[in-house]
């Protein structure tokens, strides 16, 4: 199963959602977000063995605006 979110910050809401989904029997291995704010979301998903993928990272957006 692929979890989809709009923005990842610390990943707290994704961690909660993954735990609930897994309690119901889902196999969650990846999460995709539109924007990764790079505030720990990817690192907080690692203990759950979930890889965070993003369409764009905050650092990339900052580069574009300079």
PDB file of N, CA and C in Angstrom:
ATOM      1  N   UNK A   1       0.844  -1.170   0.000  1.00  0.00           N
ATOM      2  CA  UNK A   1       0.000   0.000   0.000  1.00  0.00           C
ATOM      3  C   UNK A   1       0.881   1.222   0.000  1.00  0.00           C
ATOM      4  N   UNK A   2       0.457   2.236  -0.691  1.00  0.00           N
ATOM      5  CA  UNK A   2       1.166   3.496  -0.780  1.00  0.00           C
ATOM      6  C   UNK A   2       0.351   4.562  -0.062  1.00  0.00           C
ATOM      7  N   UNK A   3       0.947   5.201   0.937  1.00  0.00           N
ATOM      8  CA  UNK A   3       0.289   6.281   1.657  1.00  0.00           C
ATOM      9  C   UNK A   3       0.605   7.580   0.935  1.00  0.00           C
ATOM     10  N   UNK A   4      -0.401   8.417   0.672  1.00  0.00           N
ATOM     11  CA  UNK A   4      -0.218   9.678  -0.043  1.00  0.00           C
ATOM     12  C   UNK A   4      -0.632  10.833   0.860  1.00  0.00           C
ATOM     13  N   UNK A   5       0.248  11.830   0.957  1.00  0.00           N
ATOM     14  CA  UNK A   5      -0.005  13.027   1.772  1.00  0.00           C
ATOM     15  C   UNK A   5       0.370  14.259   0.955  1.00  0.00           C
ATOM     16  N   UNK A   6      -0.130  15.407   1.373  1.00  0.00           N
ATOM     17  CA  UNK A   6       0.228  16.632   0.668  1.00  0.00           C
ATOM     18  C   UNK A   6       1.597  17.153   1.106  1.00  0.00           C
ATOM     19  N   UNK A   7       1.824  17.257   2.405  1.00  0.00           N
ATOM     20  CA  UNK A   7       3.066  17.824   2.935  1.00  0.00           C
ATOM     21  C   UNK A   7       3.584  16.947   4.068  1.00  0.00           C
ATOM     22  N   UNK A   8       4.900  16.763   4.104  1.00  0.00           N
ATOM     23  CA  UNK A   8       5.525  16.052   5.223  1.00  0.00           C
ATOM     24  C   UNK A   8       6.359  17.046   6.021  1.00  0.00           C
ATOM     25  N   UNK A   9       6.111  17.081   7.320  1.00  0.00           N
ATOM     26  CA  UNK A   9       6.930  17.899   8.207  1.00  0.00           C
ATOM     27  C   UNK A   9       7.696  16.924   9.083  1.00  0.00           C
ATOM     28  N   UNK A  10       7.182  16.608  10.256  1.00  0.00           N
ATOM     29  CA  UNK A  10       7.847  15.633  11.126  1.00  0.00           C
ATOM     30  C   UNK A  10       7.401  14.207  10.834  1.00  0.00           C
ATOM     31  N   UNK A  11       6.325  14.062  10.090  1.00  0.00           N
ATOM     32  CA  UNK A  11       5.811  12.736   9.765  1.00  0.00           C
ATOM     33  C   UNK A  11       4.881  12.157  10.804  1.00  0.00           C
ATOM     34  N   UNK A  12       4.543  12.931  11.821  1.00  0.00           N
ATOM     35  CA  UNK A  12       3.703  12.425  12.909  1.00  0.00           C
ATOM     36  C   UNK A  12       2.367  11.879  12.455  1.00  0.00           C
ATOM     37  N   UNK A  13       1.691  12.587  11.580  1.00  0.00           N
ATOM     38  CA  UNK A  13       0.383  12.107  11.122  1.00  0.00           C
ATOM     39  C   UNK A  13       0.534  10.867  10.246  1.00  0.00           C
ATOM     40  N   UNK A  14       1.628  10.794   9.486  1.00  0.00           N
ATOM     41  CA  UNK A  14       1.861   9.607   8.668  1.00  0.00           C
ATOM     42  C   UNK A  14       2.153   8.395   9.542  1.00  0.00           C
ATOM     43  N   UNK A  15       2.921   8.580  10.602  1.00  0.00           N
ATOM     44  CA  UNK A  15       3.228   7.479  11.521  1.00  0.00           C
ATOM     45  C   UNK A  15       1.929   6.929  12.115  1.00  0.00           C
ATOM     46  N   UNK A  16       1.058   7.828  12.570  1.00  0.00           N
ATOM     47  CA  UNK A  16      -0.226   7.398  13.131  1.00  0.00           C
ATOM     48  C   UNK A  16      -1.054   6.632  12.098  1.00  0.00           C
ATOM     49  N   UNK A  17      -1.130   7.188  10.874  1.00  0.00           N
ATOM     50  CA  UNK A  17      -1.916   6.545   9.816  1.00  0.00           C
ATOM     51  C   UNK A  17      -1.353   5.171   9.465  1.00  0.00           C
ATOM     52  N   UNK A  18      -0.037   5.063   9.385  1.00  0.00           N
ATOM     53  CA  UNK A  18       0.597   3.789   9.052  1.00  0.00           C
ATOM     54  C   UNK A  18       0.292   2.746  10.117  1.00  0.00           C
ATOM     55  N   UNK A  19       0.368   3.139  11.373  1.00  0.00           N
ATOM     56  CA  UNK A  19       0.077   2.194  12.457  1.00  0.00           C
ATOM     57  C   UNK A  19      -1.366   1.706  12.398  1.00  0.00           C
ATOM     58  N   UNK A  20      -2.295   2.607  12.126  1.00  0.00           N
ATOM     59  CA  UNK A  20      -3.706   2.227  12.015  1.00  0.00           C
ATOM     60  C   UNK A  20      -3.917   1.304  10.826  1.00  0.00           C
ATOM     61  N   UNK A  21      -3.330   1.654   9.688  1.00  0.00           N
ATOM     62  CA  UNK A  21      -3.465   0.813   8.496  1.00  0.00           C
ATOM     63  C   UNK A  21      -2.894  -0.583   8.732  1.00  0.00           C
ATOM     64  N   UNK A  22      -1.737  -0.640   9.390  1.00  0.00           N
ATOM     65  CA  UNK A  22      -1.114  -1.938   9.656  1.00  0.00           C
ATOM     66  C   UNK A  22      -1.938  -2.766  10.632  1.00  0.00           C
ATOM     67  N   UNK A  23      -2.588  -2.115  11.591  1.00  0.00           N
ATOM     68  CA  UNK A  23      -3.468  -2.840  12.514  1.00  0.00           C
ATOM     69  C   UNK A  23      -4.618  -3.504  11.767  1.00  0.00           C
ATOM     70  N   UNK A  24      -4.983  -2.926  10.631  1.00  0.00           N
ATOM     71  CA  UNK A  24      -6.072  -3.466   9.811  1.00  0.00           C
ATOM     72  C   UNK A  24      -5.564  -4.443   8.752  1.00  0.00           C
ATOM     73  N   UNK A  25      -4.260  -4.732   8.787  1.00  0.00           N
ATOM     74  CA  UNK A  25      -3.705  -5.726   7.879  1.00  0.00           C
ATOM     75  C   UNK A  25      -3.020  -5.185   6.637  1.00  0.00           C
ATOM     76  N   UNK A  26      -2.959  -3.881   6.490  1.00  0.00           N
ATOM     77  CA  UNK A  26      -2.317  -3.306   5.307  1.00  0.00           C
ATOM     78  C   UNK A  26      -0.800  -3.430   5.406  1.00  0.00           C
ATOM     79  N   UNK A  27      -0.177  -3.565   4.263  1.00  0.00           N
ATOM     80  CA  UNK A  27       1.280  -3.577   4.172  1.00  0.00           C
ATOM     81  C   UNK A  27       1.684  -2.228   3.584  1.00  0.00           C
ATOM     82  N   UNK A  28       2.274  -1.379   4.415  1.00  0.00           N
ATOM     83  CA  UNK A  28       2.681  -0.038   3.980  1.00  0.00           C
ATOM     84  C   UNK A  28       4.194   0.004   3.937  1.00  0.00           C
ATOM     85  N   UNK A  29       4.738   0.250   2.745  1.00  0.00           N
ATOM     86  CA  UNK A  29       6.183   0.289   2.571  1.00  0.00           C
ATOM     87  C   UNK A  29       6.689   1.632   2.077  1.00  0.00           C
ATOM     88  N   UNK A  30       5.794   2.428   1.481  1.00  0.00           N
ATOM     89  CA  UNK A  30       6.199   3.726   0.951  1.00  0.00           C
ATOM     90  C   UNK A  30       5.144   4.769   1.260  1.00  0.00           C
ATOM     91  N   UNK A  31       5.625   5.994   1.382  1.00  0.00           N
ATOM     92  CA  UNK A  31       4.738   7.140   1.527  1.00  0.00           C
ATOM     93  C   UNK A  31       5.209   8.189   0.530  1.00  0.00           C
ATOM     94  N   UNK A  32       4.282   8.809  -0.157  1.00  0.00           N
ATOM     95  CA  UNK A  32       4.640   9.848  -1.114  1.00  0.00           C
ATOM     96  C   UNK A  32       3.961  11.143  -0.711  1.00  0.00           C
ATOM     97  N   UNK A  33       4.704  12.225  -0.819  1.00  0.00           N
ATOM     98  CA  UNK A  33       4.177  13.544  -0.494  1.00  0.00           C
ATOM     99  C   UNK A  33       4.481  14.490  -1.644  1.00  0.00           C
ATOM    100  N   UNK A  34       3.685  15.535  -1.747  1.00  0.00           N
ATOM    101  CA  UNK A  34       3.964  16.560  -2.750  1.00  0.00           C
ATOM    102  C   UNK A  34       5.198  17.339  -2.313  1.00  0.00           C
ATOM    103  N   UNK A  35       5.194  17.836  -1.062  1.00  0.00           N
ATOM    104  CA  UNK A  35       6.317  18.630  -0.550  1.00  0.00           C
ATOM    105  C   UNK A  35       6.861  18.009   0.736  1.00  0.00           C
ATOM    106  N   UNK A  36       8.160  17.763   0.742  1.00  0.00           N
ATOM    107  CA  UNK A  36       8.855  17.334   1.958  1.00  0.00           C
ATOM    108  C   UNK A  36       9.527  18.569   2.538  1.00  0.00           C
ATOM    109  N   UNK A  37       9.050  19.004   3.696  1.00  0.00           N
ATOM    110  CA  UNK A  37       9.616  20.192   4.334  1.00  0.00           C
ATOM    111  C   UNK A  37      10.971  19.908   4.977  1.00  0.00           C
ATOM    112  N   UNK A  38      11.394  18.656   4.947  1.00  0.00           N
ATOM    113  CA  UNK A  38      12.708  18.231   5.439  1.00  0.00           C
ATOM    114  C   UNK A  38      12.899  18.580   6.921  1.00  0.00           C
ATOM    115  N   UNK A  39      11.871  18.269   7.699  1.00  0.00           N
ATOM    116  CA  UNK A  39      11.918  18.524   9.137  1.00  0.00           C
ATOM    117  C   UNK A  39      11.840  17.225   9.933  1.00  0.00           C
ATOM    118  N   UNK A  40      12.330  16.135   9.353  1.00  0.00           N
ATOM    119  CA  UNK A  40      12.416  14.878  10.084  1.00  0.00           C
ATOM    120  C   UNK A  40      11.440  13.803   9.669  1.00  0.00           C
ATOM    121  N   UNK A  41      10.559  14.090   8.738  1.00  0.00           N
ATOM    122  CA  UNK A  41       9.568  13.102   8.328  1.00  0.00           C
ATOM    123  C   UNK A  41      10.179  11.800   7.840  1.00  0.00           C
ATOM    124  N   UNK A  42      11.154  11.894   6.950  1.00  0.00           N
ATOM    125  CA  UNK A  42      11.785  10.678   6.402  1.00  0.00           C
ATOM    126  C   UNK A  42      12.450   9.866   7.506  1.00  0.00           C
ATOM    127  N   UNK A  43      13.132  10.545   8.408  1.00  0.00           N
ATOM    128  CA  UNK A  43      13.821   9.861   9.507  1.00  0.00           C
ATOM    129  C   UNK A  43      12.837   9.212  10.464  1.00  0.00           C
ATOM    130  N   UNK A  44      11.688   9.843  10.690  1.00  0.00           N
ATOM    131  CA  UNK A  44      10.701   9.280  11.612  1.00  0.00           C
ATOM    132  C   UNK A  44       9.949   8.086  11.018  1.00  0.00           C
ATOM    133  N   UNK A  45       9.984   7.943   9.706  1.00  0.00           N
ATOM    134  CA  UNK A  45       9.348   6.791   9.073  1.00  0.00           C
ATOM    135  C   UNK A  45      10.293   5.596   8.991  1.00  0.00           C
ATOM    136  N   UNK A  46      11.593   5.841   9.081  1.00  0.00           N
ATOM    137  CA  UNK A  46      12.580   4.757   8.976  1.00  0.00           C
ATOM    138  C   UNK A  46      12.352   3.619   9.971  1.00  0.00           C
ATOM    139  N   UNK A  47      12.063   3.898  11.260  1.00  0.00           N
ATOM    140  CA  UNK A  47      11.842   2.788  12.204  1.00  0.00           C
ATOM    141  C   UNK A  47      10.656   1.895  11.815  1.00  0.00           C
ATOM    142  N   UNK A  48       9.753   2.432  11.001  1.00  0.00           N
ATOM    143  CA  UNK A  48       8.601   1.653  10.529  1.00  0.00           C
ATOM    144  C   UNK A  48       8.902   0.960   9.204  1.00  0.00           C
ATOM    145  N   UNK A  49      10.134   1.119   8.724  1.00  0.00           N
ATOM    146  CA  UNK A  49      10.539   0.567   7.424  1.00  0.00           C
ATOM    147  C   UNK A  49       9.671   1.094   6.283  1.00  0.00           C
ATOM    148  N   UNK A  50       9.389   2.401   6.343  1.00  0.00           N
ATOM    149  CA  UNK A  50       8.623   3.069   5.299  1.00  0.00           C
ATOM    150  C   UNK A  50       9.525   4.118   4.660  1.00  0.00           C
ATOM    151  N   UNK A  51       9.606   4.071   3.338  1.00  0.00           N
ATOM    152  CA  UNK A  51      10.430   5.024   2.602  1.00  0.00           C
ATOM    153  C   UNK A  51       9.573   6.215   2.182  1.00  0.00           C
ATOM    154  N   UNK A  52      10.052   7.423   2.485  1.00  0.00           N
ATOM    155  CA  UNK A  52       9.353   8.643   2.096  1.00  0.00           C
ATOM    156  C   UNK A  52       9.889   9.124   0.761  1.00  0.00           C
ATOM    157  N   UNK A  53       8.967   9.340  -0.177  1.00  0.00           N
ATOM    158  CA  UNK A  53       9.314   9.885  -1.480  1.00  0.00           C
ATOM    159  C   UNK A  53       8.548  11.185  -1.661  1.00  0.00           C
ATOM    160  N   UNK A  54       9.192  12.166  -2.273  1.00  0.00           N
ATOM    161  CA  UNK A  54       8.524  13.454  -2.457  1.00  0.00           C
ATOM    162  C   UNK A  54       8.650  13.915  -3.902  1.00  0.00           C
ATOM    163  N   UNK A  55       7.665  14.709  -4.323  1.00  0.00           N
ATOM    164  CA  UNK A  55       7.745  15.322  -5.643  1.00  0.00           C
ATOM    165  C   UNK A  55       8.736  16.473  -5.630  1.00  0.00           C
ATOM    166  N   UNK A  56       8.796  17.190  -4.505  1.00  0.00           N
ATOM    167  CA  UNK A  56       9.723  18.313  -4.355  1.00  0.00           C
ATOM    168  C   UNK A  56      10.091  18.461  -2.885  1.00  0.00           C
ATOM    169  N   UNK A  57      11.317  18.890  -2.645  1.00  0.00           N
ATOM    170  CA  UNK A  57      11.787  19.141  -1.281  1.00  0.00           C
ATOM    171  C   UNK A  57      11.833  20.640  -1.030  1.00  0.00           C
ATOM    172  N   UNK A  58      11.696  21.030   0.221  1.00  0.00           N
ATOM    173  CA  UNK A  58      11.712  22.447   0.586  1.00  0.00           C
ATOM    174  C   UNK A  58      12.991  23.121   0.095  1.00  0.00           C
ATOM    175  N   UNK A  59      14.112  22.442   0.221  1.00  0.00           N
ATOM    176  CA  UNK A  59      15.382  23.032  -0.216  1.00  0.00           C
ATOM    177  C   UNK A  59      15.377  23.322  -1.714  1.00  0.00           C
ATOM    178  N   UNK A  60      14.693  22.487  -2.489  1.00  0.00           N
ATOM    179  CA  UNK A  60      14.597  22.723  -3.925  1.00  0.00           C
ATOM    180  C   UNK A  60      13.732  23.940  -4.221  1.00  0.00           C
ATOM    181  N   UNK A  61      12.655  24.113  -3.449  1.00  0.00           N
ATOM    182  CA  UNK A  61      11.811  25.283  -3.631  1.00  0.00           C
ATOM    183  C   UNK A  61      12.557  26.564  -3.295  1.00  0.00           C
ATOM    184  N   UNK A  62      13.387  26.516  -2.272  1.00  0.00           N
ATOM    185  CA  UNK A  62      14.166  27.695  -1.883  1.00  0.00           C
ATOM    186  C   UNK A  62      15.180  28.050  -2.966  1.00  0.00           C
ATOM    187  N   UNK A  63      15.774  27.043  -3.613  1.00  0.00           N
ATOM    188  CA  UNK A  63      16.716  27.293  -4.698  1.00  0.00           C
ATOM    189  C   UNK A  63      16.037  27.988  -5.865  1.00  0.00           C
ATOM    190  N   UNK A  64      14.822  27.575  -6.164  1.00  0.00           N
ATOM    191  CA  UNK A  64      14.076  28.153  -7.288  1.00  0.00           C
ATOM    192  C   UNK A  64      13.780  29.624  -7.035  1.00  0.00           C
ATOM    193  N   UNK A  65      13.489  29.975  -5.782  1.00  0.00           N
ATOM    194  CA  UNK A  65      13.088  31.343  -5.439  1.00  0.00           C
ATOM    195  C   UNK A  65      14.259  32.287  -5.256  1.00  0.00           C
ATOM    196  N   UNK A  66      15.481  31.824  -5.392  1.00  0.00           N
ATOM    197  CA  UNK A  66      16.635  32.717  -5.200  1.00  0.00           C
ATOM    198  C   UNK A  66      17.098  33.308  -6.496  1.00  0.00           C
TER     199      UNK A  66
END
